[in-house]
Protein backbone atom coordinates (compact mmCIF):
# COMPACT_ATOMS: atom_id res chain seq x y z
CA MET A 1 9.60 32.33 -13.32
CA THR A 2 7.75 33.65 -10.23
CA VAL A 3 9.11 34.78 -6.91
CA ALA A 4 6.90 33.86 -3.77
CA ILE A 5 6.98 36.67 -1.15
CA ALA A 6 5.49 35.80 2.24
CA LEU A 7 3.68 38.53 4.23
CA LYS A 8 2.85 38.26 7.85
CA PRO A 9 -0.70 38.36 9.16
CA PHE A 10 -2.50 41.74 9.30
CA ASP A 11 -4.77 43.07 12.00
CA ARG A 12 -7.50 43.86 9.55
CA ASP A 13 -8.61 43.11 6.03
CA VAL A 14 -6.32 44.81 3.52
CA LYS A 15 -5.49 45.12 -0.07
CA GLY A 16 -2.11 46.15 -1.53
CA LYS A 17 0.60 45.57 -3.97
CA VAL A 18 4.10 43.96 -3.89
CA THR A 19 6.74 45.32 -6.29
CA VAL A 20 10.17 43.80 -7.05
CA ALA A 21 12.71 46.26 -8.34
CA ASP A 22 16.45 46.15 -9.12
CA THR A 23 18.92 48.25 -7.06
CA LYS A 24 18.48 51.22 -9.39
CA GLY A 25 14.61 51.29 -8.78
CA ARG A 26 13.58 49.76 -12.19
CA ALA A 27 10.53 47.54 -11.75
CA LEU A 28 11.19 43.81 -12.50
CA GLY A 29 7.62 42.68 -11.53
CA SER A 30 4.58 43.49 -9.45
CA LYS A 31 1.35 41.83 -8.14
CA ALA A 32 -1.74 43.01 -6.32
CA TYR A 33 -3.11 41.09 -3.35
CA SER A 34 -5.74 41.03 -0.72
CA ALA A 35 -5.34 39.60 2.71
CA ARG A 36 -7.95 38.59 5.33
CA GLN A 37 -7.53 39.60 8.95
CA GLY A 38 -5.28 37.43 10.95
CA LYS A 39 -4.15 35.32 7.88
CA ALA A 40 -0.64 35.31 6.27
CA VAL A 41 -0.53 35.67 2.54
CA SER A 42 2.02 34.62 0.06
CA VAL A 43 2.21 36.77 -3.05
CA LYS A 44 3.65 35.20 -6.31
CA VAL A 45 5.29 37.89 -8.54
CA ARG A 46 6.21 37.06 -12.12
CA LEU A 47 9.57 38.53 -13.04
CA ASN A 48 10.28 40.22 -16.35
CA ALA A 49 11.93 38.38 -19.22
CA ALA A 50 15.37 39.88 -18.69
CA THR A 51 15.53 38.90 -15.03
CA ARG A 52 14.26 35.36 -15.77
CA ARG A 53 16.91 35.02 -18.41
CA ALA A 54 19.64 36.20 -16.05
CA LEU A 55 18.55 33.73 -13.37
CA SER A 56 18.38 30.89 -15.83
CA ARG A 57 22.06 31.64 -16.90
CA GLY A 58 23.01 31.14 -13.16
CA ARG A 59 23.39 34.77 -12.17
CA SER A 60 22.15 36.23 -8.90
CA VAL A 61 20.13 39.42 -8.88
CA LYS A 62 19.93 41.86 -5.99
CA VAL A 63 16.43 43.32 -5.68
CA LYS A 64 14.33 45.67 -3.49
CA LEU A 65 11.01 44.41 -2.31
CA THR A 66 8.31 46.88 -1.59
CA ALA A 67 4.93 45.89 -0.01
CA THR A 68 2.27 48.57 -0.04
CA VAL A 69 -0.96 48.29 2.00
CA VAL A 70 -4.11 50.36 1.31
CA ASN A 71 -6.69 50.53 3.99
CA GLY A 72 -9.33 53.12 3.43
CA ARG A 73 -7.46 56.42 3.11
CA THR A 74 -4.32 55.09 4.87
CA THR A 75 -1.39 53.83 2.74
CA LEU A 76 1.57 52.08 4.38
CA SER A 77 4.65 50.70 2.62
CA ARG A 78 7.59 48.56 3.84
CA ARG A 79 10.85 47.83 1.99
CA ALA A 80 13.36 45.08 2.27
CA ASN A 81 16.42 43.96 0.25
CA ALA A 82 16.90 40.44 -1.01
CA THR A 83 19.10 38.51 -3.41
CA LEU A 84 17.42 36.20 -6.06
CA ARG A 85 19.41 33.13 -7.05
CA ALA A 86 19.01 30.49 -9.78
CA GLN A 87 17.18 27.36 -8.66
CA ALA A 88 19.32 24.30 -8.10
CA ARG A 89 18.80 21.60 -10.65
């Protein structure tokens, strides 16, 4: 199971990494990305087995999303909280 995380357009070409972690800070999955100037990007992060199993059993999982952008020597990161829920069948 993957989670799609949408990032807004950037003002220049960038590379970075999106990390999904639980509320205690343990990583549940991460994915590197690159984005062109002015283009929005959607990053699909594959979750670890334990989280996929929990979601398949109908549980919801609270997570912290961290998007890191590297541009030359500058590194920026932004965080957000979210709740993952099982897909409706």
